[in-house]
Each structure stands twice: as C-alpha cells, then as structure tokens.
C-alpha cells in the first residue's frame, strides 16, 4: 500500500541524500492510534514509513486504520505475536534486512518486550531498535520495582499492598477501604494479546476476581488506594541523561474510565516539582528515548505516581499538535543525528479521540455503580459540548481521511456488538 507523497528521497532533516533502502523506518503496533500519529509526522518530513501489525490486533476483514493512510508506504502483516513469537521476530528481522530499514519503532509493550533482547542482532544489519536499555526496562516495566525507586527518591505514590489472595485484599481494605485499584505489576506477559490494564474494585468479590485473573497470567498483583483527582502525564525525551524535550498532558477522560486510554486530553505547563519528579525517576531508572511518567492527584490535590512507561505515550497526538515532535526525535536518536531540542510548547491544546470518547460515554452512563460513573444528562452534556471546544481529533486529517473513516466504521461495529450483547443479556 503506497502513497504518492512517499516516492521521493528523504529530505535533509529526515536523513540526507537518497539511499538504496526501500523504506526508512518500520513502526510496529499499527493498530495503536499513536502509531498513525508517528507515521504521519515522519512521512511529512520525507521519510518512507512502513507500518506493521499482528493479526492478534485485527481481523482479516478489519485492518488497522493506519494501513489505509496515504503516509503508509507499506502495510506489513506479521505472524501472531502471542502464539508464534519466534516467527514474529524473524519476519520483522527479514523485512528490516531486505528493505534497508534504519530504525524500528515498537510502540506497544509486547513489541518492546519481544524486540529489546534482539537489539544487537538488528544492529549488525545496520538497524536501530528504538527502545530503552534492558536494565531500565526491567525496572520501568515492573510497577513494584518502579515504586521502590520512587520511595528512595521521595516521590509519593498511592498506598499499596502486594496481593496473593483474599487475606491480602482484606488487609488492603483495612488500610484504605473500597473502592480501590487492582493492577498487575507488568502490562504484558506474553500469555495474552492485549495489554493488561488496572481495574477498580468496589467490593471483595470484584477484587478477588481481578486478582485471580492477573495471577493466572503469571503476574504479581498490587492493590492500590483509589486517587480521585485529575490525571497528569509528563512525556519526556532523554538521551545520555539529558532531557531534550517534554510535554505535559491532562487526561480529562479515558476509556475504560478508570486508567484506560486517554480519549480527551489537554496540554498544560508542568509544575516544576512535578517535572523534577518525573525527570528524576526516569534518569535514575536509566530510561532513554521516549517515556511518559503518569501521576494522579488525590482528593487534596497531591500528585501520586502511577507508573512510568518507557515508550511513546498514547497522548502523542496532543504533544505533536502542541509543538513537540517526539517521532522526529526518535529518528534523529536512532540515526545518530543531532536531536532537535524543544524548550517550550503550546499549552491549552485539546485533542480528542472521538471513538474513545463515545466509548467513555457508553461505559460511564451504563455502569452506574462505578467510581467514575456519570449521569446520562451530565455525560451527554460533556460529550456534546466538547465539539465546541476541540479542534484536533485523533485519526482525522483533511489530507488523510481514510484512517478516520476506518476507525469510525470499526467503532460502530464494536458498539453494535455491545448493544446486541446487552439486549441478549436482558432477554435471558
């Protein structure tokens, strides 16, 4: 799948004179919305972008929206990364070798976990795996070890209890009461296709069900105090301990409502103490390249550390519209070029994932007994009034509308399926 804008050589900013390579960069996790954001940013700089994805994330008749983009020079369908992990890695290696790709950008946790150990092998064929070091990933990908570092740095986080069974859940209830959050200590184990996200529990039965689900995948489990304030993320780009750019983002709404993917977000000026905490955590762990440190404020407004993700943030669309081009920084880092330093960005920029906001409305209104539930009237007002406040939408680009059409089609199918399931449950 090609686009006419991609036929020429990469420009000076994108990497100098024409090369014999067919493509410059391979972006994996094509089903992730910020993979499309990264592809658009890099392709507009003259780079030839290939996008890859596994059929675990799409059906044969429902390809990722990014595959329809005019900025996707090649859509690479890969083996199943859960059941065929060796074949998956080998297919990526062969494509990179045969097409002269200089940078491989894994966007999701699964690809980072699978490809990070292969970095030296890829380097032998002249390709850079754009992920943090193995030692830093071991800490960043483990929430318990991350909190141990935060403890030493004096960074506050929610009260937490390691959970192995019902007695630990009762200890958590005694400390901070229901509702509280159940989260796996790692986001991907290789046993399931999807990233494992935290969930809220309002009683012991829910907490035990979530705990058993995560323990069955081989994860350790944490119970954490439920913070009710706003969600604030700090995206960073660090190389050799030096910060080349950052961008702050408030996640106003997420799907699922508790700790899910941001559906409505806004750039903001990060307070100095919050920025210092984020940078200290990332540099102490040794994270390089892109990362995001996530906080949520408690009822008194105090920021509490949630986690650090050593990868591009799902809020990338917001950062790019605010003037921080993390994808180009990744290309410059991976190809040994001077990295463009970003010292300021526009605040108050609102970006919206419309399909995700629709899901937020659906989930928030229908699930009336949840901590983040909203009334129908409040939810509808919040959802509809946003059309008068927000100019930028994920997937939507007037020069590249096919991904937006595909995304809306897929969302309609999901909502229709959920509605049919709900009617079946009501009838039974």
Protein backbone atom coordinates (compact mmCIF):
# COMPACT_ATOMS: atom_id res chain seq x y z
CA UNK A 1 0.00 0.00 0.00
CA UNK A 2 1.72 3.18 -1.12
CA UNK A 3 1.12 6.91 -1.23
CA UNK A 4 2.41 9.29 -3.90
CA UNK A 5 3.92 11.61 -1.29
CA UNK A 6 6.42 8.92 -0.32
CA UNK A 7 8.15 8.20 -3.60
CA UNK A 8 10.99 10.71 -3.24
CA UNK A 9 14.15 10.55 -1.17
CA UNK A 10 14.25 11.67 2.45
CA UNK A 11 14.97 15.36 2.86
CA UNK A 12 17.88 16.87 4.78
CA UNK A 13 16.09 16.93 8.13
CA UNK A 14 14.95 13.38 7.65
CA UNK A 15 18.35 11.97 6.92
CA UNK A 16 20.27 13.43 4.00
CA UNK A 17 20.78 12.11 0.46
CA UNK A 18 18.86 9.35 -1.24
CA UNK A 19 19.70 5.82 -0.16
CA UNK A 20 19.05 2.48 -1.84
CA UNK A 21 16.78 1.42 1.05
CA UNK A 22 13.13 0.89 0.15
CA UNK A 23 11.90 2.23 3.49
CA UNK A 24 13.49 4.26 6.26
CA UNK A 25 11.58 3.28 9.37
CA UNK A 26 9.29 0.44 10.45
CA UNK A 27 6.64 1.39 13.00
CA UNK A 28 5.11 -1.57 14.77
CA UNK A 29 1.76 -1.81 16.59
CA UNK A 30 -0.14 -0.36 13.65
CA UNK A 31 -3.45 -0.78 15.50
CA UNK A 32 -2.36 1.80 18.08
CA UNK A 33 -3.64 5.28 17.26
CA UNK A 34 -0.33 6.93 18.11
CA UNK A 35 1.43 4.69 15.57
CA UNK A 36 -0.52 6.57 12.91
CA UNK A 37 0.43 9.89 14.51
CA UNK A 38 4.10 8.92 14.39
CA UNK A 39 3.84 7.73 10.78
CA UNK A 40 2.24 10.98 9.63
CA UNK A 41 4.84 13.10 11.39
CA UNK A 42 7.79 11.20 9.93
CA UNK A 43 6.39 10.83 6.43
CA UNK A 44 5.75 14.56 6.18
CA UNK A 45 9.45 15.05 6.84
CA UNK A 46 10.21 12.96 3.75
CA UNK A 47 10.75 9.57 5.34
CA UNK A 48 9.41 6.36 3.82
CA UNK A 49 7.38 4.69 6.55
CA UNK A 50 6.34 1.05 6.77
CA UNK A 51 3.76 0.05 9.38
CA UNK A 52 3.48 -3.45 10.82
CA UNK A 53 0.85 -5.26 12.86
CA UNK A 54 -0.05 -8.76 14.02
CA UNK A 55 -3.44 -10.35 13.30
CA UNK A 56 -3.93 -10.57 17.08
CA UNK A 57 -4.93 -6.91 16.81
CA UNK A 58 -7.21 -7.03 13.77
CA UNK A 59 -9.38 -9.39 11.79
CA UNK A 60 -8.84 -10.43 8.20
CA UNK A 61 -11.62 -8.07 7.05
CA UNK A 62 -10.84 -5.31 9.56
CA UNK A 63 -7.32 -3.97 9.11
CA UNK A 64 -5.82 -1.25 11.33
CA UNK A 65 -6.83 2.29 10.29
CA UNK A 66 -3.13 3.16 9.87
CA UNK A 67 -2.89 0.68 6.99
CA UNK A 68 -5.25 2.93 5.00
CA UNK A 69 -3.11 6.05 5.44
CA UNK A 70 -1.54 7.72 2.43
CA UNK A 71 1.56 8.05 4.61
CA UNK A 72 1.90 4.28 4.98
CA UNK A 73 4.38 3.28 2.28
CA UNK A 74 3.95 -0.40 3.11
CA UNK A 75 1.47 -2.31 5.31
CA UNK A 76 3.24 -5.32 6.83
CA UNK A 77 1.06 -8.14 8.16
CA UNK A 78 3.05 -10.16 10.71
CA UNK A 79 2.59 -13.54 12.44
CA UNK A 80 0.72 -13.81 15.72
CA UNK A 81 2.99 -12.38 18.44
CA UNK A 82 1.37 -14.46 21.19
CA UNK A 83 1.33 -17.93 19.62
CA UNK A 84 4.16 -17.51 17.07
CA UNK A 85 6.68 -15.31 18.82
CA UNK A 86 9.80 -16.71 17.14
CA UNK A 87 8.19 -16.47 13.70
CA UNK A 88 7.04 -12.94 14.52
CA UNK A 89 10.55 -11.74 15.37
CA UNK A 90 12.06 -13.50 12.35
CA UNK A 91 9.52 -11.90 10.00
CA UNK A 92 10.42 -8.44 11.31
CA UNK A 93 14.14 -9.16 11.02
CA UNK A 94 13.80 -10.37 7.42
CA UNK A 95 11.74 -7.34 6.42
CA UNK A 96 14.21 -4.94 8.03
CA UNK A 97 17.21 -6.66 6.43
CA UNK A 98 15.67 -6.89 2.98
CA UNK A 99 14.46 -3.28 2.91
CA UNK A 100 17.41 -1.46 4.46
CA UNK A 101 15.37 -0.06 7.34
CA UNK A 102 17.45 2.07 9.70
CA UNK A 103 15.07 2.44 12.64
CA UNK A 104 12.49 0.04 14.09
CA UNK A 105 9.99 1.72 16.40
CA UNK A 106 7.98 -0.60 18.68
CA UNK A 107 5.06 1.35 20.14
CA UNK A 108 3.41 -1.21 22.46
CA UNK A 109 4.61 -3.19 25.46
CA UNK A 110 4.51 -6.55 23.68
CA UNK A 111 6.81 -5.48 20.85
CA UNK A 112 9.21 -3.76 23.22
CA UNK A 113 9.42 -6.95 25.30
CA UNK A 114 9.99 -9.13 22.23
CA UNK A 115 12.45 -6.92 20.34
CA UNK A 116 14.59 -5.34 23.06
CA UNK A 117 16.65 -8.55 23.51
CA UNK A 118 17.29 -8.55 19.74
CA UNK A 119 18.86 -5.09 19.54
CA UNK A 120 22.43 -6.30 18.90
CA UNK A 121 21.29 -8.66 16.17
CA UNK A 122 19.46 -5.82 14.42
CA UNK A 123 22.45 -3.53 14.89
CA UNK A 124 24.57 -6.00 12.90
CA UNK A 125 22.43 -5.27 9.84
CA UNK A 126 22.53 -1.51 10.45
CA UNK A 127 19.15 -1.10 12.15
CA UNK A 128 18.40 0.59 15.47
CA UNK A 129 15.67 -0.72 17.81
CA UNK A 130 14.27 2.46 19.35
CA UNK A 131 13.71 1.25 22.90
CA UNK A 132 15.34 1.90 26.26
CA UNK A 133 18.10 -0.31 27.66
CA UNK A 134 17.33 -3.76 29.02
CA UNK A 135 18.29 -2.76 32.56
CA UNK A 136 15.96 0.25 32.56
CA UNK A 137 13.10 -1.73 31.02
CA UNK A 138 13.38 -4.33 33.77
CA UNK A 139 12.53 -1.62 36.30
CA UNK A 140 10.15 0.53 34.26
CA UNK A 141 8.07 -2.47 33.21
CA UNK A 142 7.69 -3.68 36.80
CA UNK A 143 5.46 -1.47 38.96
CA UNK A 144 6.84 -2.85 42.23
CA UNK A 145 10.43 -2.04 41.27
CA UNK A 146 9.35 1.36 39.97
CA UNK A 147 7.74 2.18 43.30
CA UNK A 148 10.90 1.06 45.12
CA UNK A 149 12.87 3.66 43.14
CA UNK A 150 10.18 6.28 43.81
CA UNK A 151 10.39 5.50 47.54
CA UNK A 152 14.14 6.18 47.54
CA UNK A 153 13.61 9.45 45.64
CA UNK A 154 10.87 10.66 47.95
CA UNK A 155 8.22 10.59 45.20
CA UNK A 156 4.81 9.89 46.69
CA UNK A 157 2.56 7.17 45.32
CA UNK A 158 -0.76 5.56 46.36
CA UNK A 159 -0.71 3.32 49.40
CA UNK A 160 -0.13 -0.18 48.04
CA UNK A 161 -0.42 -3.80 49.13
CA UNK A 162 1.03 -6.84 47.36
CA UNK A 163 -1.84 -9.26 46.79
CA UNK A 164 -1.69 -13.04 46.60
CA UNK A 165 -5.13 -13.89 47.90
CA UNK A 166 -8.15 -12.85 49.90
CA UNK A 167 -6.25 -12.13 53.12
CA UNK A 168 -4.13 -9.51 51.36
CA UNK A 169 -7.28 -7.96 49.90
CA UNK A 170 -8.72 -7.67 53.40
CA UNK A 171 -5.50 -6.04 54.55
CA UNK A 172 -5.85 -3.52 51.71
CA UNK A 173 -9.46 -2.87 52.69
CA UNK A 174 -8.36 -2.19 56.26
CA UNK A 175 -5.72 0.29 55.05
CA UNK A 176 -7.67 2.35 52.53
CA UNK A 177 -11.11 0.81 52.01
CA UNK A 178 -13.15 0.17 48.88
CA UNK A 179 -13.17 1.22 46.12
CA UNK A 180 -9.52 0.56 45.37
CA UNK A 181 -7.48 -0.36 42.29
CA UNK A 182 -6.23 -3.81 41.31
CA UNK A 183 -3.33 -3.75 38.88
CA UNK A 184 -0.85 -6.28 37.50
CA UNK A 185 2.76 -5.41 38.17
CA UNK A 186 3.60 -5.82 34.46
CA UNK A 187 1.48 -4.83 31.47
CA UNK A 188 2.29 -7.76 29.16
CA UNK A 189 3.48 -11.27 29.93
CA UNK A 190 3.33 -12.97 26.54
CA UNK A 191 0.35 -15.06 27.58
CA UNK A 192 -2.34 -12.73 26.22
CA UNK A 193 -2.64 -10.45 23.22
CA UNK A 194 -3.83 -7.31 24.96
CA UNK A 195 -2.13 -5.02 27.42
CA UNK A 196 -3.37 -5.72 30.95
CA UNK A 197 -4.82 -2.55 32.43
CA UNK A 198 -5.72 -1.76 36.04
CA UNK A 199 -9.33 -2.05 37.18
CA UNK A 200 -11.25 -0.63 40.10
CA UNK A 201 -12.95 -2.94 42.59
CA UNK A 202 -15.88 -1.84 44.73
CA UNK A 203 -16.09 -4.99 46.85
CA UNK A 204 -14.15 -8.12 47.78
CA UNK A 205 -15.75 -10.29 45.10
CA UNK A 206 -14.65 -7.94 42.30
CA UNK A 207 -11.18 -7.57 43.79
CA UNK A 208 -10.70 -11.32 44.10
CA UNK A 209 -11.91 -11.97 40.54
CA UNK A 210 -9.45 -9.40 39.14
CA UNK A 211 -6.62 -10.72 41.31
CA UNK A 212 -7.16 -14.30 40.17
CA UNK A 213 -7.33 -13.20 36.53
CA UNK A 214 -3.96 -11.46 36.71
CA UNK A 215 -2.31 -14.18 38.81
CA UNK A 216 -3.34 -16.72 36.17
CA UNK A 217 -1.16 -14.91 33.60
CA UNK A 218 1.89 -15.19 35.84
CA UNK A 219 1.78 -11.58 37.06
CA UNK A 220 2.18 -10.30 40.56
CA UNK A 221 -0.67 -8.07 41.70
CA UNK A 222 -0.97 -4.78 43.59
CA UNK A 223 -3.95 -3.31 45.39
CA UNK A 224 -3.70 0.48 45.50
CA UNK A 225 -5.50 3.37 47.09
CA UNK A 226 -8.00 4.94 44.65
CA UNK A 227 -6.95 8.51 43.77
CA UNK A 228 -9.88 10.65 42.65
CA UNK A 229 -8.14 13.75 41.23
CA UNK A 230 -7.12 14.58 37.69
CA UNK A 231 -4.68 12.52 35.67
CA UNK A 232 -1.46 14.28 34.65
CA UNK A 233 1.23 12.81 32.41
CA UNK A 234 4.71 14.07 31.64
CA UNK A 235 6.15 12.86 28.33
CA UNK A 236 9.94 13.03 28.17
CA UNK A 237 12.70 12.51 25.63
CA UNK A 238 16.04 11.71 27.27
CA UNK A 239 19.38 10.66 25.79
CA UNK A 240 22.53 10.17 27.90
CA UNK A 241 20.68 11.56 30.91
CA UNK A 242 19.86 14.83 29.12
CA UNK A 243 16.29 15.97 28.59
CA UNK A 244 15.76 17.15 25.01
CA UNK A 245 12.07 17.88 25.36
CA UNK A 246 8.99 17.32 27.45
CA UNK A 247 5.25 17.88 27.21
CA UNK A 248 2.61 17.82 29.94
CA UNK A 249 -0.84 16.39 29.32
CA UNK A 250 -4.02 16.24 31.39
CA UNK A 251 -6.21 13.24 30.57
CA UNK A 252 -9.73 14.57 31.10
CA UNK A 253 -11.41 11.32 30.08
CA UNK A 254 -10.20 7.78 29.45
CA UNK A 255 -11.68 4.54 28.19
CA UNK A 256 -12.19 2.47 30.24
CA UNK A 257 -12.97 5.36 32.61
CA UNK A 258 -10.54 4.01 35.24
CA UNK A 259 -6.97 4.16 33.99
CA UNK A 260 -7.65 3.38 30.35
CA UNK A 261 -6.53 5.03 27.10
CA UNK A 262 -6.98 8.79 27.04
CA UNK A 263 -9.98 9.90 24.98
CA UNK A 264 -9.87 13.61 25.76
CA UNK A 265 -6.70 15.37 26.79
CA UNK A 266 -5.14 18.82 27.05
CA UNK A 267 -1.56 20.09 27.14
CA UNK A 268 -0.54 22.02 30.24
CA UNK A 269 2.54 23.63 31.74
CA UNK A 270 4.06 21.04 34.05
CA UNK A 271 4.75 22.44 37.54
CA UNK A 272 8.44 22.46 38.35
CA UNK A 273 8.12 19.97 41.22
CA UNK A 274 6.19 17.51 39.06
CA UNK A 275 8.67 17.83 36.19
CA UNK A 276 11.57 17.34 38.59
CA UNK A 277 9.97 14.17 40.00
CA UNK A 278 9.36 12.78 36.50
CA UNK A 279 12.89 13.51 35.30
CA UNK A 280 14.49 12.17 38.50
CA UNK A 281 12.53 8.94 38.21
CA UNK A 282 13.33 8.42 34.53
CA UNK A 283 17.03 9.25 34.82
CA UNK A 284 17.51 7.20 37.99
CA UNK A 285 15.97 4.18 36.28
CA UNK A 286 18.12 4.96 33.23
CA UNK A 287 15.32 5.31 30.68
CA UNK A 288 16.41 6.73 27.32
CA UNK A 289 14.37 7.77 24.32
CA UNK A 290 10.65 8.49 24.78
CA UNK A 291 8.83 7.84 28.03
CA UNK A 292 5.82 9.04 29.98
CA UNK A 293 5.54 9.37 33.75
CA UNK A 294 1.92 9.28 34.91
CA UNK A 295 0.51 10.84 38.05
CA UNK A 296 -2.97 11.15 39.50
CA UNK A 297 -3.86 13.66 42.18
CA UNK A 298 -5.65 12.62 45.33
CA UNK A 299 -8.69 14.34 46.82
CA UNK A 300 -6.45 17.02 48.36
CA UNK A 301 -4.69 17.74 45.06
CA UNK A 302 -1.42 15.98 45.91
CA UNK A 303 0.20 14.22 42.90
CA UNK A 304 0.74 10.49 43.30
CA UNK A 305 2.92 8.44 40.95
CA UNK A 306 1.00 5.85 38.96
CA UNK A 307 3.68 4.43 36.64
CA UNK A 308 6.35 5.13 34.08
CA UNK A 309 6.03 3.82 30.53
CA UNK A 310 9.33 3.59 28.66
CA UNK A 311 7.80 4.18 25.24
CA UNK A 312 5.81 6.68 23.21
CA UNK A 313 2.76 7.85 25.12
CA UNK A 314 -0.79 7.33 23.91
CA UNK A 315 -1.12 11.12 24.21
CA UNK A 316 1.35 11.60 21.33
CA UNK A 317 -1.26 13.38 19.17
CA UNK A 318 -1.50 16.06 21.83
CA UNK A 319 2.27 16.52 22.06
CA UNK A 320 2.68 16.83 18.28
CA UNK A 321 -0.10 19.43 18.00
CA UNK A 322 1.47 21.28 20.93
CA UNK A 323 4.79 21.52 19.10
CA UNK A 324 6.83 18.59 20.48
CA UNK A 325 7.71 16.18 17.66
CA UNK A 326 8.77 13.07 19.57
CA UNK A 327 8.75 10.84 16.44
CA UNK A 328 11.37 13.03 14.74
CA UNK A 329 13.48 12.97 17.90
CA UNK A 330 13.34 9.18 17.77
CA UNK A 331 14.53 9.17 14.15
CA UNK A 332 17.40 11.54 14.95
CA UNK A 333 18.38 9.49 18.01
CA UNK A 334 18.29 6.24 16.07
CA UNK A 335 20.34 7.53 13.14
CA UNK A 336 22.95 9.39 15.22
CA UNK A 337 21.90 12.86 14.11
CA UNK A 338 21.78 15.92 16.39
CA UNK A 339 18.46 15.84 18.25
CA UNK A 340 16.23 18.90 17.94
CA UNK A 341 15.88 20.36 21.42
CA UNK A 342 12.38 21.59 22.34
CA UNK A 343 12.37 24.14 25.16
CA UNK A 344 8.73 25.26 25.01
CA UNK A 345 5.36 24.12 23.70
CA UNK A 346 1.84 25.41 23.36
CA UNK A 347 -0.42 24.81 26.34
CA UNK A 348 -4.19 24.51 26.34
CA UNK A 349 -4.20 22.38 23.17
CA UNK A 350 -7.10 19.95 23.32
CA UNK A 351 -7.10 16.73 21.29
CA UNK A 352 -9.85 14.15 21.22
CA UNK A 353 -10.18 10.53 20.26
CA UNK A 354 -13.81 10.68 19.21
CA UNK A 355 -14.41 6.93 19.14
CA UNK A 356 -12.82 6.61 22.56
CA UNK A 357 -14.95 9.46 23.91
CA UNK A 358 -18.03 7.66 22.59
CA UNK A 359 -16.93 4.57 24.46
CA UNK A 360 -16.32 6.66 27.60
CA UNK A 361 -19.90 7.93 27.39
CA UNK A 362 -21.28 4.44 26.81
CA UNK A 363 -19.32 2.92 29.71
CA UNK A 364 -19.77 5.82 32.10
CA UNK A 365 -23.54 6.04 31.70
CA UNK A 366 -24.38 2.33 31.56
CA UNK A 367 -22.21 1.29 34.50
CA UNK A 368 -23.96 3.34 37.18
CA UNK A 369 -22.27 1.75 40.21
CA UNK A 370 -18.66 2.57 39.32
CA UNK A 371 -16.44 5.24 40.96
CA UNK A 372 -16.11 7.15 37.65
CA UNK A 373 -19.74 6.75 36.53
CA UNK A 374 -21.65 9.77 35.21
CA UNK A 375 -25.34 10.51 34.84
CA UNK A 376 -26.85 10.40 31.36
CA UNK A 377 -27.51 14.15 31.37
CA UNK A 378 -24.01 15.02 32.59
CA UNK A 379 -22.34 12.58 30.21
CA UNK A 380 -24.25 13.80 27.17
CA UNK A 381 -23.52 17.44 28.01
CA UNK A 382 -19.83 16.73 28.50
CA UNK A 383 -19.65 14.75 25.26
CA UNK A 384 -21.59 17.18 23.02
CA UNK A 385 -20.14 20.41 24.40
CA UNK A 386 -16.65 19.16 23.53
CA UNK A 387 -17.41 19.70 19.84
CA UNK A 388 -17.33 23.46 20.51
CA UNK A 389 -14.02 23.34 22.37
CA UNK A 390 -11.76 20.93 20.49
CA UNK A 391 -10.28 21.36 17.01
CA UNK A 392 -7.94 18.37 16.81
CA UNK A 393 -9.14 14.78 16.55
CA UNK A 394 -7.13 11.55 16.51
CA UNK A 395 -7.17 9.83 13.10
CA UNK A 396 -8.71 12.93 11.46
CA UNK A 397 -6.54 14.74 8.92
CA UNK A 398 -8.06 16.55 5.94
CA UNK A 399 -5.15 15.32 3.78
CA UNK A 400 -5.51 11.73 5.02
CA UNK A 401 -9.12 10.87 5.85
CA UNK A 402 -9.24 7.14 5.11
CA UNK A 403 -7.94 6.13 8.58
CA UNK A 404 -10.68 8.21 10.24
CA UNK A 405 -13.36 6.51 8.14
CA UNK A 406 -11.96 3.08 9.03
CA UNK A 407 -11.82 3.96 12.74
CA UNK A 408 -15.45 5.13 12.83
CA UNK A 409 -16.55 2.01 10.97
CA UNK A 410 -14.74 -0.23 13.45
CA UNK A 411 -16.16 1.67 16.41
CA UNK A 412 -19.70 1.40 15.07
CA UNK A 413 -19.22 -2.36 14.79
CA UNK A 414 -17.99 -2.56 18.40
CA UNK A 415 -20.90 -0.51 19.75
CA UNK A 416 -23.38 -2.55 17.72
CA UNK A 417 -21.93 -5.77 19.12
CA UNK A 418 -22.06 -4.44 22.70
CA UNK A 419 -25.66 -3.33 22.20
CA UNK A 420 -26.64 -6.76 20.85
CA UNK A 421 -24.93 -8.45 23.81
CA UNK A 422 -26.75 -6.16 26.22
CA UNK A 423 -30.12 -7.00 24.63
CA UNK A 424 -29.34 -10.72 24.81
CA UNK A 425 -28.46 -10.44 28.49
CA UNK A 426 -31.64 -8.51 29.20
CA UNK A 427 -33.70 -11.14 27.40
CA UNK A 428 -32.13 -14.10 29.20
